[in-house]
Amino acid sequence: MTIMPEKNETEERLSLPQVKKIMEAMGEETLDQLQRRTFEYVSRFSKFEAENAEELVKRLVTEYGLDEAEAVQVINCAPRSIEELRVFLAGGRKIIETAKLQAIVALINEHRKLK
């Protein structure tokens, strides 16, 4: 019988802007083909600066009661309306008040990166 060593890995949910920041720190010249494609994707679709994204995820979790996975998805997609936001929160079992949804959309729009 072989005993497998325990893996001491931690899993962290990252938004697209956070992934972009990490890949920029690695240096584009060191990236392989798949990593370059990933970098192009996150560069194109990141709607926030990395620092803002981290702050927004924390605020969505603490102030608005979203799960971390929901908060990251909301940041990645940056919905512009309550109807769009509801699409990302529809899988949850909790009902979020319209006023809270409006506040989330306003918060997102306030921090959105201009393109």
PDB file of N, CA and C in Angstrom:
ATOM      1  N   MET A   1       0.832  -1.159   0.000  1.00  0.00           N
ATOM      2  CA  MET A   1       0.000   0.000   0.000  1.00  0.00           C
ATOM      3  C   MET A   1       0.895   1.248   0.000  1.00  0.00           C
ATOM      4  N   THR A   2       0.580   2.156  -0.941  1.00  0.00           N
ATOM      5  CA  THR A   2       1.352   3.383  -1.061  1.00  0.00           C
ATOM      6  C   THR A   2       0.597   4.520  -0.379  1.00  0.00           C
ATOM      7  N   ILE A   3       1.285   5.242   0.413  1.00  0.00           N
ATOM      8  CA  ILE A   3       0.679   6.384   1.091  1.00  0.00           C
ATOM      9  C   ILE A   3       1.054   7.642   0.320  1.00  0.00           C
ATOM     10  N   MET A   4       0.025   8.351  -0.093  1.00  0.00           N
ATOM     11  CA  MET A   4       0.241   9.583  -0.841  1.00  0.00           C
ATOM     12  C   MET A   4       0.517  10.712   0.147  1.00  0.00           C
ATOM     13  N   PRO A   5       1.516  11.532  -0.163  1.00  0.00           N
ATOM     14  CA  PRO A   5       1.766  12.666   0.724  1.00  0.00           C
ATOM     15  C   PRO A   5       0.611  13.668   0.646  1.00  0.00           C
ATOM     16  N   GLU A   6       0.353  14.298   1.768  1.00  0.00           N
ATOM     17  CA  GLU A   6      -0.717  15.290   1.778  1.00  0.00           C
ATOM     18  C   GLU A   6      -0.293  16.519   0.986  1.00  0.00           C
ATOM     19  N   LYS A   7      -1.211  17.004   0.178  1.00  0.00           N
ATOM     20  CA  LYS A   7      -0.941  18.236  -0.551  1.00  0.00           C
ATOM     21  C   LYS A   7      -1.416  19.394   0.313  1.00  0.00           C
ATOM     22  N   ASN A   8      -0.583  20.352   0.444  1.00  0.00           N
ATOM     23  CA  ASN A   8      -0.923  21.516   1.241  1.00  0.00           C
ATOM     24  C   ASN A   8      -1.180  22.691   0.295  1.00  0.00           C
ATOM     25  N   GLU A   9      -2.220  22.559  -0.514  1.00  0.00           N
ATOM     26  CA  GLU A   9      -2.549  23.589  -1.485  1.00  0.00           C
ATOM     27  C   GLU A   9      -3.751  24.375  -0.987  1.00  0.00           C
ATOM     28  N   THR A  10      -3.730  25.641  -1.278  1.00  0.00           N
ATOM     29  CA  THR A  10      -4.880  26.462  -0.955  1.00  0.00           C
ATOM     30  C   THR A  10      -5.480  26.951  -2.260  1.00  0.00           C
ATOM     31  N   GLU A  11      -6.756  27.116  -2.235  1.00  0.00           N
ATOM     32  CA  GLU A  11      -7.461  27.578  -3.422  1.00  0.00           C
ATOM     33  C   GLU A  11      -7.994  28.968  -3.139  1.00  0.00           C
ATOM     34  N   GLU A  12      -7.784  29.859  -4.077  1.00  0.00           N
ATOM     35  CA  GLU A  12      -8.252  31.220  -3.917  1.00  0.00           C
ATOM     36  C   GLU A  12      -8.965  31.631  -5.198  1.00  0.00           C
ATOM     37  N   ARG A  13     -10.114  32.249  -5.057  1.00  0.00           N
ATOM     38  CA  ARG A  13     -10.854  32.744  -6.210  1.00  0.00           C
ATOM     39  C   ARG A  13     -10.285  34.098  -6.605  1.00  0.00           C
ATOM     40  N   LEU A  14      -9.949  34.229  -7.883  1.00  0.00           N
ATOM     41  CA  LEU A  14      -9.378  35.469  -8.373  1.00  0.00           C
ATOM     42  C   LEU A  14     -10.250  36.051  -9.468  1.00  0.00           C
ATOM     43  N   SER A  15     -10.377  37.352  -9.455  1.00  0.00           N
ATOM     44  CA  SER A  15     -11.099  38.032 -10.528  1.00  0.00           C
ATOM     45  C   SER A  15     -10.147  38.202 -11.719  1.00  0.00           C
ATOM     46  N   LEU A  16     -10.712  38.525 -12.868  1.00  0.00           N
ATOM     47  CA  LEU A  16      -9.890  38.729 -14.060  1.00  0.00           C
ATOM     48  C   LEU A  16      -8.827  39.808 -13.854  1.00  0.00           C
ATOM     49  N   PRO A  17      -9.162  40.948 -13.246  1.00  0.00           N
ATOM     50  CA  PRO A  17      -8.117  41.949 -13.024  1.00  0.00           C
ATOM     51  C   PRO A  17      -6.978  41.457 -12.126  1.00  0.00           C
ATOM     52  N   GLN A  18      -7.299  40.612 -11.156  1.00  0.00           N
ATOM     53  CA  GLN A  18      -6.260  40.064 -10.289  1.00  0.00           C
ATOM     54  C   GLN A  18      -5.356  39.108 -11.069  1.00  0.00           C
ATOM     55  N   VAL A  19      -5.938  38.300 -11.949  1.00  0.00           N
ATOM     56  CA  VAL A  19      -5.151  37.395 -12.785  1.00  0.00           C
ATOM     57  C   VAL A  19      -4.240  38.208 -13.699  1.00  0.00           C
ATOM     58  N   LYS A  20      -4.783  39.272 -14.271  1.00  0.00           N
ATOM     59  CA  LYS A  20      -3.987  40.136 -15.151  1.00  0.00           C
ATOM     60  C   LYS A  20      -2.784  40.702 -14.403  1.00  0.00           C
ATOM     61  N   LYS A  21      -3.008  41.173 -13.185  1.00  0.00           N
ATOM     62  CA  LYS A  21      -1.924  41.747 -12.376  1.00  0.00           C
ATOM     63  C   LYS A  21      -0.829  40.708 -12.119  1.00  0.00           C
ATOM     64  N   ILE A  22      -1.220  39.498 -11.785  1.00  0.00           N
ATOM     65  CA  ILE A  22      -0.259  38.425 -11.525  1.00  0.00           C
ATOM     66  C   ILE A  22       0.540  38.109 -12.781  1.00  0.00           C
ATOM     67  N   MET A  23      -0.161  38.039 -13.920  1.00  0.00           N
ATOM     68  CA  MET A  23       0.523  37.703 -15.173  1.00  0.00           C
ATOM     69  C   MET A  23       1.445  38.838 -15.625  1.00  0.00           C
ATOM     70  N   GLU A  24       1.059  40.073 -15.371  1.00  0.00           N
ATOM     71  CA  GLU A  24       1.942  41.203 -15.691  1.00  0.00           C
ATOM     72  C   GLU A  24       3.214  41.128 -14.856  1.00  0.00           C
ATOM     73  N   ALA A  25       3.075  40.732 -13.595  1.00  0.00           N
ATOM     74  CA  ALA A  25       4.231  40.611 -12.713  1.00  0.00           C
ATOM     75  C   ALA A  25       5.175  39.499 -13.170  1.00  0.00           C
ATOM     76  N   MET A  26       4.614  38.470 -13.802  1.00  0.00           N
ATOM     77  CA  MET A  26       5.441  37.374 -14.312  1.00  0.00           C
ATOM     78  C   MET A  26       6.286  37.836 -15.494  1.00  0.00           C
ATOM     79  N   GLY A  27       5.796  38.828 -16.216  1.00  0.00           N
ATOM     80  CA  GLY A  27       6.508  39.307 -17.400  1.00  0.00           C
ATOM     81  C   GLY A  27       5.996  38.608 -18.640  1.00  0.00           C
ATOM     82  N   GLU A  28       5.503  39.393 -19.565  1.00  0.00           N
ATOM     83  CA  GLU A  28       4.894  38.817 -20.769  1.00  0.00           C
ATOM     84  C   GLU A  28       5.862  37.945 -21.560  1.00  0.00           C
ATOM     85  N   GLU A  29       7.145  38.283 -21.530  1.00  0.00           N
ATOM     86  CA  GLU A  29       8.144  37.521 -22.294  1.00  0.00           C
ATOM     87  C   GLU A  29       8.355  36.116 -21.741  1.00  0.00           C
ATOM     88  N   THR A  30       7.959  35.867 -20.500  1.00  0.00           N
ATOM     89  CA  THR A  30       8.150  34.538 -19.895  1.00  0.00           C
ATOM     90  C   THR A  30       6.939  33.625 -20.087  1.00  0.00           C
ATOM     91  N   LEU A  31       5.862  34.158 -20.643  1.00  0.00           N
ATOM     92  CA  LEU A  31       4.629  33.384 -20.764  1.00  0.00           C
ATOM     93  C   LEU A  31       4.686  32.425 -21.948  1.00  0.00           C
ATOM     94  N   ASP A  32       4.138  31.212 -21.746  1.00  0.00           N
ATOM     95  CA  ASP A  32       4.032  30.279 -22.870  1.00  0.00           C
ATOM     96  C   ASP A  32       2.788  30.643 -23.691  1.00  0.00           C
ATOM     97  N   GLN A  33       2.510  29.880 -24.736  1.00  0.00           N
ATOM     98  CA  GLN A  33       1.429  30.223 -25.658  1.00  0.00           C
ATOM     99  C   GLN A  33       0.058  30.278 -24.960  1.00  0.00           C
ATOM    100  N   LEU A  34      -0.250  29.303 -24.150  1.00  0.00           N
ATOM    101  CA  LEU A  34      -1.537  29.283 -23.447  1.00  0.00           C
ATOM    102  C   LEU A  34      -1.639  30.454 -22.466  1.00  0.00           C
ATOM    103  N   GLN A  35      -0.551  30.711 -21.772  1.00  0.00           N
ATOM    104  CA  GLN A  35      -0.546  31.828 -20.829  1.00  0.00           C
ATOM    105  C   GLN A  35      -0.715  33.161 -21.557  1.00  0.00           C
ATOM    106  N   ARG A  36      -0.110  33.293 -22.743  1.00  0.00           N
ATOM    107  CA  ARG A  36      -0.275  34.522 -23.530  1.00  0.00           C
ATOM    108  C   ARG A  36      -1.726  34.713 -23.946  1.00  0.00           C
ATOM    109  N   ARG A  37      -2.375  33.637 -24.348  1.00  0.00           N
ATOM    110  CA  ARG A  37      -3.799  33.710 -24.702  1.00  0.00           C
ATOM    111  C   ARG A  37      -4.628  34.126 -23.494  1.00  0.00           C
ATOM    112  N   THR A  38      -4.312  33.537 -22.368  1.00  0.00           N
ATOM    113  CA  THR A  38      -5.016  33.890 -21.136  1.00  0.00           C
ATOM    114  C   THR A  38      -4.788  35.360 -20.810  1.00  0.00           C
ATOM    115  N   PHE A  39      -3.553  35.820 -20.961  1.00  0.00           N
ATOM    116  CA  PHE A  39      -3.230  37.215 -20.680  1.00  0.00           C
ATOM    117  C   PHE A  39      -3.990  38.153 -21.625  1.00  0.00           C
ATOM    118  N   GLU A  40      -4.068  37.798 -22.892  1.00  0.00           N
ATOM    119  CA  GLU A  40      -4.835  38.610 -23.850  1.00  0.00           C
ATOM    120  C   GLU A  40      -6.304  38.672 -23.439  1.00  0.00           C
ATOM    121  N   TYR A  41      -6.847  37.535 -23.014  1.00  0.00           N
ATOM    122  CA  TYR A  41      -8.256  37.472 -22.597  1.00  0.00           C
ATOM    123  C   TYR A  41      -8.500  38.367 -21.383  1.00  0.00           C
ATOM    124  N   VAL A  42      -7.695  38.204 -20.346  1.00  0.00           N
ATOM    125  CA  VAL A  42      -7.931  38.991 -19.134  1.00  0.00           C
ATOM    126  C   VAL A  42      -7.671  40.474 -19.378  1.00  0.00           C
ATOM    127  N   SER A  43      -6.754  40.794 -20.271  1.00  0.00           N
ATOM    128  CA  SER A  43      -6.499  42.199 -20.609  1.00  0.00           C
ATOM    129  C   SER A  43      -7.695  42.808 -21.316  1.00  0.00           C
ATOM    130  N   ARG A  44      -8.294  42.050 -22.191  1.00  0.00           N
ATOM    131  CA  ARG A  44      -9.432  42.542 -22.961  1.00  0.00           C
ATOM    132  C   ARG A  44     -10.691  42.674 -22.110  1.00  0.00           C
ATOM    133  N   PHE A  45     -10.920  41.731 -21.209  1.00  0.00           N
ATOM    134  CA  PHE A  45     -12.194  41.675 -20.500  1.00  0.00           C
ATOM    135  C   PHE A  45     -12.164  42.180 -19.053  1.00  0.00           C
ATOM    136  N   SER A  46     -11.016  42.601 -18.558  1.00  0.00           N
ATOM    137  CA  SER A  46     -10.955  43.182 -17.221  1.00  0.00           C
ATOM    138  C   SER A  46     -11.631  44.547 -17.240  1.00  0.00           C
ATOM    139  N   LYS A  47     -12.585  44.724 -16.372  1.00  0.00           N
ATOM    140  CA  LYS A  47     -13.348  45.968 -16.351  1.00  0.00           C
ATOM    141  C   LYS A  47     -12.983  46.861 -15.168  1.00  0.00           C
ATOM    142  N   PHE A  48     -12.025  46.408 -14.356  1.00  0.00           N
ATOM    143  CA  PHE A  48     -11.590  47.155 -13.185  1.00  0.00           C
ATOM    144  C   PHE A  48     -10.082  47.040 -13.061  1.00  0.00           C
ATOM    145  N   GLU A  49      -9.510  47.951 -12.295  1.00  0.00           N
ATOM    146  CA  GLU A  49      -8.112  47.813 -11.908  1.00  0.00           C
ATOM    147  C   GLU A  49      -8.051  46.731 -10.826  1.00  0.00           C
ATOM    148  N   ALA A  50      -6.925  46.044 -10.713  1.00  0.00           N
ATOM    149  CA  ALA A  50      -6.806  44.913  -9.780  1.00  0.00           C
ATOM    150  C   ALA A  50      -7.100  45.318  -8.336  1.00  0.00           C
ATOM    151  N   GLU A  51      -6.586  46.470  -7.914  1.00  0.00           N
ATOM    152  CA  GLU A  51      -6.799  46.910  -6.534  1.00  0.00           C
ATOM    153  C   GLU A  51      -8.285  47.174  -6.282  1.00  0.00           C
ATOM    154  N   ASN A  52      -8.947  47.805  -7.250  1.00  0.00           N
ATOM    155  CA  ASN A  52     -10.389  48.056  -7.122  1.00  0.00           C
ATOM    156  C   ASN A  52     -11.163  46.743  -7.072  1.00  0.00           C
ATOM    157  N   ALA A  53     -10.759  45.779  -7.883  1.00  0.00           N
ATOM    158  CA  ALA A  53     -11.448  44.491  -7.931  1.00  0.00           C
ATOM    159  C   ALA A  53     -11.363  43.790  -6.578  1.00  0.00           C
ATOM    160  N   GLU A  54     -10.188  43.796  -5.973  1.00  0.00           N
ATOM    161  CA  GLU A  54     -10.018  43.161  -4.667  1.00  0.00           C
ATOM    162  C   GLU A  54     -10.906  43.836  -3.627  1.00  0.00           C
ATOM    163  N   GLU A  55     -10.907  45.154  -3.637  1.00  0.00           N
ATOM    164  CA  GLU A  55     -11.731  45.912  -2.695  1.00  0.00           C
ATOM    165  C   GLU A  55     -13.216  45.634  -2.925  1.00  0.00           C
ATOM    166  N   LEU A  56     -13.621  45.610  -4.187  1.00  0.00           N
ATOM    167  CA  LEU A  56     -15.029  45.376  -4.508  1.00  0.00           C
ATOM    168  C   LEU A  56     -15.491  43.988  -4.088  1.00  0.00           C
ATOM    169  N   VAL A  57     -14.670  42.991  -4.295  1.00  0.00           N
ATOM    170  CA  VAL A  57     -15.027  41.630  -3.876  1.00  0.00           C
ATOM    171  C   VAL A  57     -15.252  41.612  -2.367  1.00  0.00           C
ATOM    172  N   LYS A  58     -14.339  42.208  -1.628  1.00  0.00           N
ATOM    173  CA  LYS A  58     -14.481  42.243  -0.165  1.00  0.00           C
ATOM    174  C   LYS A  58     -15.763  42.965   0.244  1.00  0.00           C
ATOM    175  N   ARG A  59     -16.036  44.101  -0.401  1.00  0.00           N
ATOM    176  CA  ARG A  59     -17.239  44.864  -0.056  1.00  0.00           C
ATOM    177  C   ARG A  59     -18.516  44.103  -0.406  1.00  0.00           C
ATOM    178  N   LEU A  60     -18.519  43.427  -1.558  1.00  0.00           N
ATOM    179  CA  LEU A  60     -19.711  42.666  -1.950  1.00  0.00           C
ATOM    180  C   LEU A  60     -19.985  41.538  -0.966  1.00  0.00           C
ATOM    181  N   VAL A  61     -18.936  40.961  -0.436  1.00  0.00           N
ATOM    182  CA  VAL A  61     -19.095  39.873   0.537  1.00  0.00           C
ATOM    183  C   VAL A  61     -19.531  40.428   1.896  1.00  0.00           C
ATOM    184  N   THR A  62     -18.836  41.453   2.385  1.00  0.00           N
ATOM    185  CA  THR A  62     -19.113  41.934   3.736  1.00  0.00           C
ATOM    186  C   THR A  62     -20.348  42.824   3.821  1.00  0.00           C
ATOM    187  N   GLU A  63     -20.501  43.748   2.879  1.00  0.00           N
ATOM    188  CA  GLU A  63     -21.599  44.715   2.968  1.00  0.00           C
ATOM    189  C   GLU A  63     -22.900  44.224   2.346  1.00  0.00           C
ATOM    190  N   TYR A  64     -22.798  43.360   1.340  1.00  0.00           N
ATOM    191  CA  TYR A  64     -24.001  42.953   0.615  1.00  0.00           C
ATOM    192  C   TYR A  64     -24.337  41.479   0.772  1.00  0.00           C
ATOM    193  N   GLY A  65     -23.509  40.732   1.491  1.00  0.00           N
ATOM    194  CA  GLY A  65     -23.821  39.348   1.812  1.00  0.00           C
ATOM    195  C   GLY A  65     -23.701  38.354   0.674  1.00  0.00           C
ATOM    196  N   LEU A  66     -22.936  38.696  -0.364  1.00  0.00           N
ATOM    197  CA  LEU A  66     -22.735  37.741  -1.456  1.00  0.00           C
ATOM    198  C   LEU A  66     -21.683  36.722  -1.048  1.00  0.00           C
ATOM    199  N   ASP A  67     -21.756  35.537  -1.633  1.00  0.00           N
ATOM    200  CA  ASP A  67     -20.681  34.564  -1.468  1.00  0.00           C
ATOM    201  C   ASP A  67     -19.478  35.066  -2.255  1.00  0.00           C
ATOM    202  N   GLU A  68     -18.294  34.600  -1.883  1.00  0.00           N
ATOM    203  CA  GLU A  68     -17.092  35.044  -2.597  1.00  0.00           C
ATOM    204  C   GLU A  68     -17.167  34.685  -4.081  1.00  0.00           C
ATOM    205  N   ALA A  69     -17.668  33.495  -4.397  1.00  0.00           N
ATOM    206  CA  ALA A  69     -17.785  33.076  -5.799  1.00  0.00           C
ATOM    207  C   ALA A  69     -18.724  34.004  -6.573  1.00  0.00           C
ATOM    208  N   GLU A  70     -19.836  34.374  -5.945  1.00  0.00           N
ATOM    209  CA  GLU A  70     -20.779  35.301  -6.589  1.00  0.00           C
ATOM    210  C   GLU A  70     -20.132  36.663  -6.792  1.00  0.00           C
ATOM    211  N   ALA A  71     -19.428  37.136  -5.790  1.00  0.00           N
ATOM    212  CA  ALA A  71     -18.785  38.444  -5.865  1.00  0.00           C
ATOM    213  C   ALA A  71     -17.746  38.482  -6.990  1.00  0.00           C
ATOM    214  N   VAL A  72     -16.939  37.440  -7.108  1.00  0.00           N
ATOM    215  CA  VAL A  72     -15.932  37.384  -8.170  1.00  0.00           C
ATOM    216  C   VAL A  72     -16.612  37.360  -9.541  1.00  0.00           C
ATOM    217  N   GLN A  73     -17.665  36.594  -9.666  1.00  0.00           N
ATOM    218  CA  GLN A  73     -18.396  36.530 -10.946  1.00  0.00           C
ATOM    219  C   GLN A  73     -18.998  37.883 -11.305  1.00  0.00           C
ATOM    220  N   VAL A  74     -19.545  38.569 -10.323  1.00  0.00           N
ATOM    221  CA  VAL A  74     -20.116  39.899 -10.554  1.00  0.00           C
ATOM    222  C   VAL A  74     -19.016  40.856 -11.019  1.00  0.00           C
ATOM    223  N   ILE A  75     -17.854  40.798 -10.392  1.00  0.00           N
ATOM    224  CA  ILE A  75     -16.743  41.669 -10.789  1.00  0.00           C
ATOM    225  C   ILE A  75     -16.259  41.309 -12.189  1.00  0.00           C
ATOM    226  N   ASN A  76     -16.179  40.045 -12.505  1.00  0.00           N
ATOM    227  CA  ASN A  76     -15.715  39.636 -13.832  1.00  0.00           C
ATOM    228  C   ASN A  76     -16.650  40.104 -14.942  1.00  0.00           C
ATOM    229  N   CYS A  77     -17.933  40.097 -14.679  1.00  0.00           N
ATOM    230  CA  CYS A  77     -18.916  40.439 -15.717  1.00  0.00           C
ATOM    231  C   CYS A  77     -19.391  41.884 -15.649  1.00  0.00           C
ATOM    232  N   ALA A  78     -19.276  42.510 -14.501  1.00  0.00           N
ATOM    233  CA  ALA A  78     -19.620  43.917 -14.290  1.00  0.00           C
ATOM    234  C   ALA A  78     -20.970  44.293 -14.904  1.00  0.00           C
ATOM    235  N   PRO A  79     -22.048  43.703 -14.405  1.00  0.00           N
ATOM    236  CA  PRO A  79     -23.371  44.010 -14.960  1.00  0.00           C
ATOM    237  C   PRO A  79     -23.712  45.489 -14.814  1.00  0.00           C
ATOM    238  N   ARG A  80     -24.436  46.009 -15.806  1.00  0.00           N
ATOM    239  CA  ARG A  80     -24.775  47.434 -15.839  1.00  0.00           C
ATOM    240  C   ARG A  80     -26.190  47.714 -15.345  1.00  0.00           C
ATOM    241  N   SER A  81     -26.969  46.674 -15.117  1.00  0.00           N
ATOM    242  CA  SER A  81     -28.347  46.877 -14.677  1.00  0.00           C
ATOM    243  C   SER A  81     -28.716  45.815 -13.637  1.00  0.00           C
ATOM    244  N   ILE A  82     -29.816  46.070 -12.952  1.00  0.00           N
ATOM    245  CA  ILE A  82     -30.306  45.107 -11.962  1.00  0.00           C
ATOM    246  C   ILE A  82     -30.667  43.790 -12.641  1.00  0.00           C
ATOM    247  N   GLU A  83     -31.263  43.876 -13.826  1.00  0.00           N
ATOM    248  CA  GLU A  83     -31.656  42.659 -14.544  1.00  0.00           C
ATOM    249  C   GLU A  83     -30.435  41.804 -14.866  1.00  0.00           C
ATOM    250  N   GLU A  84     -29.348  42.436 -15.325  1.00  0.00           N
ATOM    251  CA  GLU A  84     -28.119  41.687 -15.605  1.00  0.00           C
ATOM    252  C   GLU A  84     -27.548  41.100 -14.316  1.00  0.00           C
ATOM    253  N   LEU A  85     -27.573  41.869 -13.248  1.00  0.00           N
ATOM    254  CA  LEU A  85     -27.040  41.407 -11.967  1.00  0.00           C
ATOM    255  C   LEU A  85     -27.810  40.202 -11.458  1.00  0.00           C
ATOM    256  N   ARG A  86     -29.113  40.212 -11.613  1.00  0.00           N
ATOM    257  CA  ARG A  86     -29.943  39.088 -11.144  1.00  0.00           C
ATOM    258  C   ARG A  86     -29.555  37.778 -11.824  1.00  0.00           C
ATOM    259  N   VAL A  87     -29.098  37.852 -13.072  1.00  0.00           N
ATOM    260  CA  VAL A  87     -28.669  36.648 -13.795  1.00  0.00           C
ATOM    261  C   VAL A  87     -27.544  35.951 -13.034  1.00  0.00           C
ATOM    262  N   PHE A  88     -26.614  36.728 -12.495  1.00  0.00           N
ATOM    263  CA  PHE A  88     -25.466  36.148 -11.800  1.00  0.00           C
ATOM    264  C   PHE A  88     -25.794  35.692 -10.390  1.00  0.00           C
ATOM    265  N   LEU A  89     -26.880  36.195  -9.847  1.00  0.00           N
ATOM    266  CA  LEU A  89     -27.255  35.833  -8.480  1.00  0.00           C
ATOM    267  C   LEU A  89     -28.443  34.872  -8.436  1.00  0.00           C
ATOM    268  N   ALA A  90     -28.943  34.463  -9.602  1.00  0.00           N
ATOM    269  CA  ALA A  90     -30.138  33.624  -9.673  1.00  0.00           C
ATOM    270  C   ALA A  90     -29.914  32.226  -9.099  1.00  0.00           C
ATOM    271  N   GLY A  91     -28.688  31.754  -9.108  1.00  0.00           N
ATOM    272  CA  GLY A  91     -28.413  30.403  -8.618  1.00  0.00           C
ATOM    273  C   GLY A  91     -28.503  30.289  -7.105  1.00  0.00           C
ATOM    274  N   GLY A  92     -28.396  31.413  -6.428  1.00  0.00           N
ATOM    275  CA  GLY A  92     -28.440  31.411  -4.963  1.00  0.00           C
ATOM    276  C   GLY A  92     -29.855  31.197  -4.454  1.00  0.00           C
ATOM    277  N   ARG A  93     -29.957  30.744  -3.250  1.00  0.00           N
ATOM    278  CA  ARG A  93     -31.259  30.481  -2.655  1.00  0.00           C
ATOM    279  C   ARG A  93     -31.810  31.697  -1.920  1.00  0.00           C
ATOM    280  N   LYS A  94     -30.984  32.719  -1.779  1.00  0.00           N
ATOM    281  CA  LYS A  94     -31.447  33.889  -1.043  1.00  0.00           C
ATOM    282  C   LYS A  94     -32.018  34.938  -2.006  1.00  0.00           C
ATOM    283  N   ILE A  95     -32.958  35.695  -1.507  1.00  0.00           N
ATOM    284  CA  ILE A  95     -33.558  36.771  -2.280  1.00  0.00           C
ATOM    285  C   ILE A  95     -32.929  38.070  -1.806  1.00  0.00           C
ATOM    286  N   ILE A  96     -32.453  38.851  -2.755  1.00  0.00           N
ATOM    287  CA  ILE A  96     -31.799  40.114  -2.419  1.00  0.00           C
ATOM    288  C   ILE A  96     -32.742  41.253  -2.779  1.00  0.00           C
ATOM    289  N   GLU A  97     -32.906  42.175  -1.859  1.00  0.00           N
ATOM    290  CA  GLU A  97     -33.803  43.304  -2.051  1.00  0.00           C
ATOM    291  C   GLU A  97     -33.368  44.143  -3.245  1.00  0.00           C
ATOM    292  N   THR A  98     -34.356  44.745  -3.929  1.00  0.00           N
ATOM    293  CA  THR A  98     -34.084  45.585  -5.087  1.00  0.00           C
ATOM    294  C   THR A  98     -33.178  46.752  -4.725  1.00  0.00           C
ATOM    295  N   ALA A  99     -33.377  47.347  -3.569  1.00  0.00           N
ATOM    296  CA  ALA A  99     -32.539  48.472  -3.133  1.00  0.00           C
ATOM    297  C   ALA A  99     -31.078  48.048  -3.012  1.00  0.00           C
ATOM    298  N   LYS A 100     -30.858  46.846  -2.515  1.00  0.00           N
ATOM    299  CA  LYS A 100     -29.497  46.332  -2.376  1.00  0.00           C
ATOM    300  C   LYS A 100     -28.886  46.070  -3.754  1.00  0.00           C
ATOM    301  N   LEU A 101     -29.686  45.537  -4.673  1.00  0.00           N
ATOM    302  CA  LEU A 101     -29.213  45.304  -6.035  1.00  0.00           C
ATOM    303  C   LEU A 101     -28.844  46.626  -6.711  1.00  0.00           C
ATOM    304  N   GLN A 102     -29.667  47.651  -6.505  1.00  0.00           N
ATOM    305  CA  GLN A 102     -29.371  48.977  -7.063  1.00  0.00           C
ATOM    306  C   GLN A 102     -28.062  49.511  -6.502  1.00  0.00           C
ATOM    307  N   ALA A 103     -27.843  49.309  -5.222  1.00  0.00           N
ATOM    308  CA  ALA A 103     -26.605  49.770  -4.583  1.00  0.00           C
ATOM    309  C   ALA A 103     -25.393  49.032  -5.148  1.00  0.00           C
ATOM    310  N   ILE A 104     -25.538  47.735  -5.416  1.00  0.00           N
ATOM    311  CA  ILE A 104     -24.437  46.951  -5.996  1.00  0.00           C
ATOM    312  C   ILE A 104     -24.117  47.470  -7.393  1.00  0.00           C
ATOM    313  N   VAL A 105     -25.132  47.691  -8.219  1.00  0.00           N
ATOM    314  CA  VAL A 105     -24.909  48.197  -9.580  1.00  0.00           C
ATOM    315  C   VAL A 105     -24.252  49.575  -9.515  1.00  0.00           C
ATOM    316  N   ALA A 106     -24.706  50.431  -8.612  1.00  0.00           N
ATOM    317  CA  ALA A 106     -24.112  51.767  -8.459  1.00  0.00           C
ATOM    318  C   ALA A 106     -22.645  51.660  -8.048  1.00  0.00           C
ATOM    319  N   LEU A 107     -22.340  50.753  -7.130  1.00  0.00           N
ATOM    320  CA  LEU A 107     -20.965  50.545  -6.687  1.00  0.00           C
ATOM    321  C   LEU A 107     -20.082  50.088  -7.849  1.00  0.00           C
ATOM    322  N   ILE A 108     -20.580  49.151  -8.627  1.00  0.00           N
ATOM    323  CA  ILE A 108     -19.830  48.646  -9.778  1.00  0.00           C
ATOM    324  C   ILE A 108     -19.588  49.770 -10.782  1.00  0.00           C
ATOM    325  N   ASN A 109     -20.637  50.528 -11.097  1.00  0.00           N
ATOM    326  CA  ASN A 109     -20.512  51.611 -12.076  1.00  0.00           C
ATOM    327  C   ASN A 109     -19.546  52.693 -11.597  1.00  0.00           C
ATOM    328  N   GLU A 110     -19.502  52.913 -10.303  1.00  0.00           N
ATOM    329  CA  GLU A 110     -18.611  53.912  -9.713  1.00  0.00           C
ATOM    330  C   GLU A 110     -17.138  53.545  -9.915  1.00  0.00           C
ATOM    331  N   HIS A 111     -16.829  52.260  -9.898  1.00  0.00           N
ATOM    332  CA  HIS A 111     -15.441  51.800  -9.991  1.00  0.00           C
ATOM    333  C   HIS A 111     -15.047  51.265 -11.359  1.00  0.00           C
ATOM    334  N   ARG A 112     -15.976  51.222 -12.273  1.00  0.00           N
ATOM    335  CA  ARG A 112     -15.728  50.663 -13.614  1.00  0.00           C
ATOM    336  C   ARG A 112     -14.608  51.438 -14.306  1.00  0.00           C
ATOM    337  N   LYS A 113     -13.742  50.695 -14.967  1.00  0.00           N
ATOM    338  CA  LYS A 113     -12.630  51.286 -15.716  1.00  0.00           C
ATOM    339  C   LYS A 113     -13.169  51.867 -17.016  1.00  0.00           C
ATOM    340  N   LEU A 114     -12.818  53.078 -17.339  1.00  0.00           N
ATOM    341  CA  LEU A 114     -13.286  53.698 -18.583  1.00  0.00           C
ATOM    342  C   LEU A 114     -12.497  53.140 -19.757  1.00  0.00           C
ATOM    343  N   LYS A 115     -13.225  52.837 -20.837  1.00  0.00           N
ATOM    344  CA  LYS A 115     -12.556  52.337 -22.050  1.00  0.00           C
ATOM    345  C   LYS A 115     -12.951  53.159 -23.221  1.00  0.00           C
TER     346      LYS A 115
END
